Each structure stands twice: as structure tokens, then as C-alpha cells.
């Protein structure tokens, strides 16, 4: 009977370890990116939040900015908004419902994945997006790293 209890505890500990590892793996290191042709050196978290919440339509140097989102429900999108704005998906939906209803803005264009965001941002210096750090290449440049 003692062996069964120990085996049960061992299995429970192994399951807990796997669950914790999976939770850690789901949290990616995200980077906010602009085109490699954009001269912007960096942005603060507050500046990024203002852009992605429709409160600012310009980079700090005055150039127009167009924000691009990951697909609704993706881990990257949920993590990004949680870290940068402190908003849950439900609060974000409420924010954009109010912005659209009052005519003050439209939500960022939604793209399917990291590669799609990187490709569009690379093509246009006015665009900004966020991707998993592992998806970076020379066509884009990080202006904010989220940990």
C-alpha cells in the first residue's frame, strides 16, 4: 500500500510539473515591431498602448501609424493586450465597441499569424505589429520587447 501512495504522489507531481511547463511554454516573448526602413528607435509601453487602443494615430515623430493585430483568441494577442494595456479580451471588446459606436476609431486590422504580421509590417514603414520574438528577421526591427 505504501508503494501505491508513493506512486500516486509521484504521478501527481509529474502531472503538476508538466502542467507548469506547459503554462510557461504558452507565454511567449513578444516584440513590438516596425519595418526595418522605419527610423523610429524605440517606443514606451504607454506609447504602444495608445496606438493599439486607437488613442494615437501617429508615431512620436508625427508620422502616421497603422496598427496590426494577431488573430482574435490567439495566445500572442491575449498576452500582448494583457501586458501592454492590462485589458482582458472582454474589456478590449468593450473598449472597441465604445470607440466604434462613438465614431472615435476602428480596431486594428487582424492578421492570421506572426508571419503575416511580420510580412505586412516589413512592407510598410507606417505599420506596427507584435510577434513572437522567434519570428524576427532582418525585414523588421523591434521597438519594444515584452517579457
C-alpha atoms as a PDB file:
ATOM      1  CA  UNK A   1       0.000   0.000   0.000  1.00  0.00           C
ATOM      2  CA  UNK A   2       2.856   2.379   0.712  1.00  0.00           C
ATOM      3  CA  UNK A   3       4.152   1.858  -2.812  1.00  0.00           C
ATOM      4  CA  UNK A   4       0.790   2.826  -4.274  1.00  0.00           C
ATOM      5  CA  UNK A   5       0.688   6.045  -2.296  1.00  0.00           C
ATOM      6  CA  UNK A   6       4.212   6.958  -3.349  1.00  0.00           C
ATOM      7  CA  UNK A   7       3.483   6.067  -6.949  1.00  0.00           C
ATOM      8  CA  UNK A   8       0.328   8.177  -6.792  1.00  0.00           C
ATOM      9  CA  UNK A   9       2.254  11.125  -5.352  1.00  0.00           C
ATOM     10  CA  UNK A  10       4.961  10.694  -7.974  1.00  0.00           C
ATOM     11  CA  UNK A  11       2.401  10.723 -10.765  1.00  0.00           C
ATOM     12  CA  UNK A  12       0.658  13.746  -9.272  1.00  0.00           C
ATOM     13  CA  UNK A  13       3.957  15.623  -9.005  1.00  0.00           C
ATOM     14  CA  UNK A  14       4.863  14.673 -12.577  1.00  0.00           C
ATOM     15  CA  UNK A  15       1.477  15.891 -13.829  1.00  0.00           C
ATOM     16  CA  UNK A  16       1.905  19.154 -11.919  1.00  0.00           C
ATOM     17  CA  UNK A  17       5.379  19.649 -13.378  1.00  0.00           C
ATOM     18  CA  UNK A  18       4.062  19.050 -16.911  1.00  0.00           C
ATOM     19  CA  UNK A  19       1.198  21.495 -16.360  1.00  0.00           C
ATOM     20  CA  UNK A  20       3.576  24.183 -15.099  1.00  0.00           C
ATOM     21  CA  UNK A  21       5.932  23.606 -18.034  1.00  0.00           C
ATOM     22  CA  UNK A  22       3.042  23.868 -20.494  1.00  0.00           C
ATOM     23  CA  UNK A  23       1.853  27.116 -18.883  1.00  0.00           C
ATOM     24  CA  UNK A  24       5.350  28.587 -19.147  1.00  0.00           C
ATOM     25  CA  UNK A  25       5.702  27.461 -22.743  1.00  0.00           C
ATOM     26  CA  UNK A  26       2.419  29.141 -23.680  1.00  0.00           C
ATOM     27  CA  UNK A  27       3.833  32.510 -22.634  1.00  0.00           C
ATOM     28  CA  UNK A  28       5.960  33.739 -25.497  1.00  0.00           C
ATOM     29  CA  UNK A  29       8.454  36.564 -25.531  1.00  0.00           C
ATOM     30  CA  UNK A  30       6.739  39.140 -27.716  1.00  0.00           C
ATOM     31  CA  UNK A  31       8.284  42.052 -29.562  1.00  0.00           C
ATOM     32  CA  UNK A  32       6.562  45.104 -30.978  1.00  0.00           C
ATOM     33  CA  UNK A  33       7.934  45.626 -34.474  1.00  0.00           C
ATOM     34  CA  UNK A  34       8.225  48.236 -37.201  1.00  0.00           C
ATOM     35  CA  UNK A  35       9.708  47.972 -40.671  1.00  0.00           C
ATOM     36  CA  UNK A  36      13.500  47.932 -40.869  1.00  0.00           C
ATOM     37  CA  UNK A  37      13.046  51.069 -43.031  1.00  0.00           C
ATOM     38  CA  UNK A  38      11.293  52.962 -40.205  1.00  0.00           C
ATOM     39  CA  UNK A  39      13.770  55.274 -38.390  1.00  0.00           C
ATOM     40  CA  UNK A  40      11.928  55.067 -35.035  1.00  0.00           C
ATOM     41  CA  UNK A  41      14.440  53.965 -32.365  1.00  0.00           C
ATOM     42  CA  UNK A  42      12.058  52.720 -29.634  1.00  0.00           C
ATOM     43  CA  UNK A  43       8.633  53.134 -28.042  1.00  0.00           C
ATOM     44  CA  UNK A  44       7.460  53.005 -24.452  1.00  0.00           C
ATOM     45  CA  UNK A  45       4.715  50.670 -23.305  1.00  0.00           C
ATOM     46  CA  UNK A  46       2.381  53.646 -22.884  1.00  0.00           C
ATOM     47  CA  UNK A  47       3.021  54.812 -26.460  1.00  0.00           C
ATOM     48  CA  UNK A  48       2.338  51.319 -27.801  1.00  0.00           C
ATOM     49  CA  UNK A  49      -0.858  51.051 -25.713  1.00  0.00           C
ATOM     50  CA  UNK A  50      -2.097  54.395 -27.066  1.00  0.00           C
ATOM     51  CA  UNK A  51      -1.513  53.262 -30.652  1.00  0.00           C
ATOM     52  CA  UNK A  52      -3.197  49.870 -30.259  1.00  0.00           C
ATOM     53  CA  UNK A  53      -6.168  51.302 -28.325  1.00  0.00           C
ATOM     54  CA  UNK A  54      -6.837  53.906 -31.013  1.00  0.00           C
ATOM     55  CA  UNK A  55      -5.857  56.844 -28.816  1.00  0.00           C
ATOM     56  CA  UNK A  56      -2.948  57.849 -31.049  1.00  0.00           C
ATOM     57  CA  UNK A  57      -2.719  57.618 -34.818  1.00  0.00           C
ATOM     58  CA  UNK A  58       0.855  58.837 -35.033  1.00  0.00           C
ATOM     59  CA  UNK A  59       4.361  57.781 -34.087  1.00  0.00           C
ATOM     60  CA  UNK A  60       6.172  60.176 -31.681  1.00  0.00           C
ATOM     61  CA  UNK A  61       7.885  61.853 -34.675  1.00  0.00           C
ATOM     62  CA  UNK A  62       4.447  62.751 -36.123  1.00  0.00           C
ATOM     63  CA  UNK A  63       4.376  60.119 -38.875  1.00  0.00           C
ATOM     64  CA  UNK A  64       1.089  58.249 -39.348  1.00  0.00           C
ATOM     65  CA  UNK A  65       0.887  54.783 -37.769  1.00  0.00           C
ATOM     66  CA  UNK A  66      -1.291  51.790 -38.663  1.00  0.00           C
ATOM     67  CA  UNK A  67      -1.563  49.048 -36.031  1.00  0.00           C
ATOM     68  CA  UNK A  68      -1.900  45.364 -36.940  1.00  0.00           C
ATOM     69  CA  UNK A  69      -3.316  42.728 -34.581  1.00  0.00           C
ATOM     70  CA  UNK A  70      -2.839  38.985 -34.308  1.00  0.00           C
ATOM     71  CA  UNK A  71      -5.982  36.871 -34.789  1.00  0.00           C
ATOM     72  CA  UNK A  72      -8.711  37.047 -32.170  1.00  0.00           C
ATOM     73  CA  UNK A  73      -8.211  34.446 -29.444  1.00  0.00           C
ATOM     74  CA  UNK A  74      -4.520  33.817 -30.187  1.00  0.00           C
ATOM     75  CA  UNK A  75      -2.093  33.491 -27.281  1.00  0.00           C
ATOM     76  CA  UNK A  76       0.023  36.301 -28.728  1.00  0.00           C
ATOM     77  CA  UNK A  77      -2.915  38.708 -28.844  1.00  0.00           C
ATOM     78  CA  UNK A  78      -4.163  37.882 -25.355  1.00  0.00           C
ATOM     79  CA  UNK A  79      -0.667  38.158 -23.889  1.00  0.00           C
ATOM     80  CA  UNK A  80       0.083  41.405 -25.739  1.00  0.00           C
ATOM     81  CA  UNK A  81      -3.029  43.233 -24.550  1.00  0.00           C
ATOM     82  CA  UNK A  82      -2.695  41.872 -21.028  1.00  0.00           C
ATOM     83  CA  UNK A  83       0.904  43.091 -20.752  1.00  0.00           C
ATOM     84  CA  UNK A  84       0.640  46.391 -22.619  1.00  0.00           C
ATOM     85  CA  UNK A  85      -2.845  47.614 -21.720  1.00  0.00           C
ATOM     86  CA  UNK A  86      -3.861  45.451 -18.771  1.00  0.00           C
ATOM     87  CA  UNK A  87      -7.079  44.558 -20.629  1.00  0.00           C
ATOM     88  CA  UNK A  88      -8.667  41.134 -20.878  1.00  0.00           C
ATOM     89  CA  UNK A  89     -10.285  40.082 -24.167  1.00  0.00           C
ATOM     90  CA  UNK A  90     -13.708  41.044 -22.749  1.00  0.00           C
ATOM     91  CA  UNK A  91     -12.517  44.513 -21.668  1.00  0.00           C
ATOM     92  CA  UNK A  92     -10.849  45.023 -25.036  1.00  0.00           C
ATOM     93  CA  UNK A  93     -14.070  44.112 -26.844  1.00  0.00           C
ATOM     94  CA  UNK A  94     -15.979  46.627 -24.681  1.00  0.00           C
ATOM     95  CA  UNK A  95     -13.340  49.302 -25.408  1.00  0.00           C
ATOM     96  CA  UNK A  96     -13.647  48.853 -29.173  1.00  0.00           C
ATOM     97  CA  UNK A  97     -17.444  48.668 -29.069  1.00  0.00           C
ATOM     98  CA  UNK A  98     -17.460  52.074 -27.403  1.00  0.00           C
ATOM     99  CA  UNK A  99     -14.846  53.530 -29.779  1.00  0.00           C
ATOM    100  CA  UNK A 100     -16.732  52.335 -32.873  1.00  0.00           C
ATOM    101  CA  UNK A 101     -20.142  53.395 -31.516  1.00  0.00           C
ATOM    102  CA  UNK A 102     -18.928  56.913 -30.727  1.00  0.00           C
ATOM    103  CA  UNK A 103     -17.119  57.208 -34.071  1.00  0.00           C
ATOM    104  CA  UNK A 104     -13.732  57.666 -32.402  1.00  0.00           C
ATOM    105  CA  UNK A 105     -11.957  54.763 -34.033  1.00  0.00           C
ATOM    106  CA  UNK A 106     -11.778  51.302 -35.546  1.00  0.00           C
ATOM    107  CA  UNK A 107      -9.847  48.340 -34.114  1.00  0.00           C
ATOM    108  CA  UNK A 108      -6.544  47.359 -35.719  1.00  0.00           C
ATOM    109  CA  UNK A 109      -6.644  45.112 -38.764  1.00  0.00           C
ATOM    110  CA  UNK A 110      -6.458  41.460 -37.746  1.00  0.00           C
ATOM    111  CA  UNK A 111      -3.968  39.078 -39.389  1.00  0.00           C
ATOM    112  CA  UNK A 112      -3.661  35.313 -39.141  1.00  0.00           C
ATOM    113  CA  UNK A 113      -0.230  34.761 -37.557  1.00  0.00           C
ATOM    114  CA  UNK A 114       3.293  36.017 -36.800  1.00  0.00           C
ATOM    115  CA  UNK A 115       4.463  35.597 -40.396  1.00  0.00           C
ATOM    116  CA  UNK A 116       1.551  37.613 -41.822  1.00  0.00           C
ATOM    117  CA  UNK A 117       2.120  40.460 -39.345  1.00  0.00           C
ATOM    118  CA  UNK A 118       5.878  40.484 -39.997  1.00  0.00           C
ATOM    119  CA  UNK A 119       5.372  40.481 -43.787  1.00  0.00           C
ATOM    120  CA  UNK A 120       2.955  43.434 -43.811  1.00  0.00           C
ATOM    121  CA  UNK A 121       4.978  45.471 -41.309  1.00  0.00           C
ATOM    122  CA  UNK A 122       8.163  44.862 -43.339  1.00  0.00           C
ATOM    123  CA  UNK A 123       6.446  46.171 -46.484  1.00  0.00           C
ATOM    124  CA  UNK A 124       5.189  49.432 -44.962  1.00  0.00           C
ATOM    125  CA  UNK A 125       7.132  51.761 -42.619  1.00  0.00           C
ATOM    126  CA  UNK A 126       3.829  53.213 -41.339  1.00  0.00           C
ATOM    127  CA  UNK A 127       2.738  49.879 -39.842  1.00  0.00           C
ATOM    128  CA  UNK A 128       3.345  48.463 -36.375  1.00  0.00           C
ATOM    129  CA  UNK A 129       2.610  44.996 -35.036  1.00  0.00           C
ATOM    130  CA  UNK A 130       3.664  42.438 -32.475  1.00  0.00           C
ATOM    131  CA  UNK A 131       5.063  38.949 -32.991  1.00  0.00           C
ATOM    132  CA  UNK A 132       6.814  36.190 -31.098  1.00  0.00           C
ATOM    133  CA  UNK A 133      10.498  37.050 -30.794  1.00  0.00           C
ATOM    134  CA  UNK A 134      11.401  33.782 -32.564  1.00  0.00           C
ATOM    135  CA  UNK A 135       9.691  35.115 -35.732  1.00  0.00           C
ATOM    136  CA  UNK A 136      12.006  38.147 -36.051  1.00  0.00           C
ATOM    137  CA  UNK A 137      14.092  38.563 -39.183  1.00  0.00           C
ATOM    138  CA  UNK A 138      16.061  41.403 -40.812  1.00  0.00           C
ATOM    139  CA  UNK A 139      12.972  42.842 -42.532  1.00  0.00           C
ATOM    140  CA  UNK A 140      11.607  44.224 -39.240  1.00  0.00           C
ATOM    141  CA  UNK A 141      13.018  45.812 -36.113  1.00  0.00           C
ATOM    142  CA  UNK A 142      11.820  45.542 -32.512  1.00  0.00           C
ATOM    143  CA  UNK A 143      10.918  48.842 -30.807  1.00  0.00           C
ATOM    144  CA  UNK A 144       9.670  47.253 -27.565  1.00  0.00           C
ATOM    145  CA  UNK A 145      10.360  43.854 -26.004  1.00  0.00           C
ATOM    146  CA  UNK A 146       7.679  42.367 -23.745  1.00  0.00           C
ATOM    147  CA  UNK A 147       8.785  39.842 -21.164  1.00  0.00           C
END
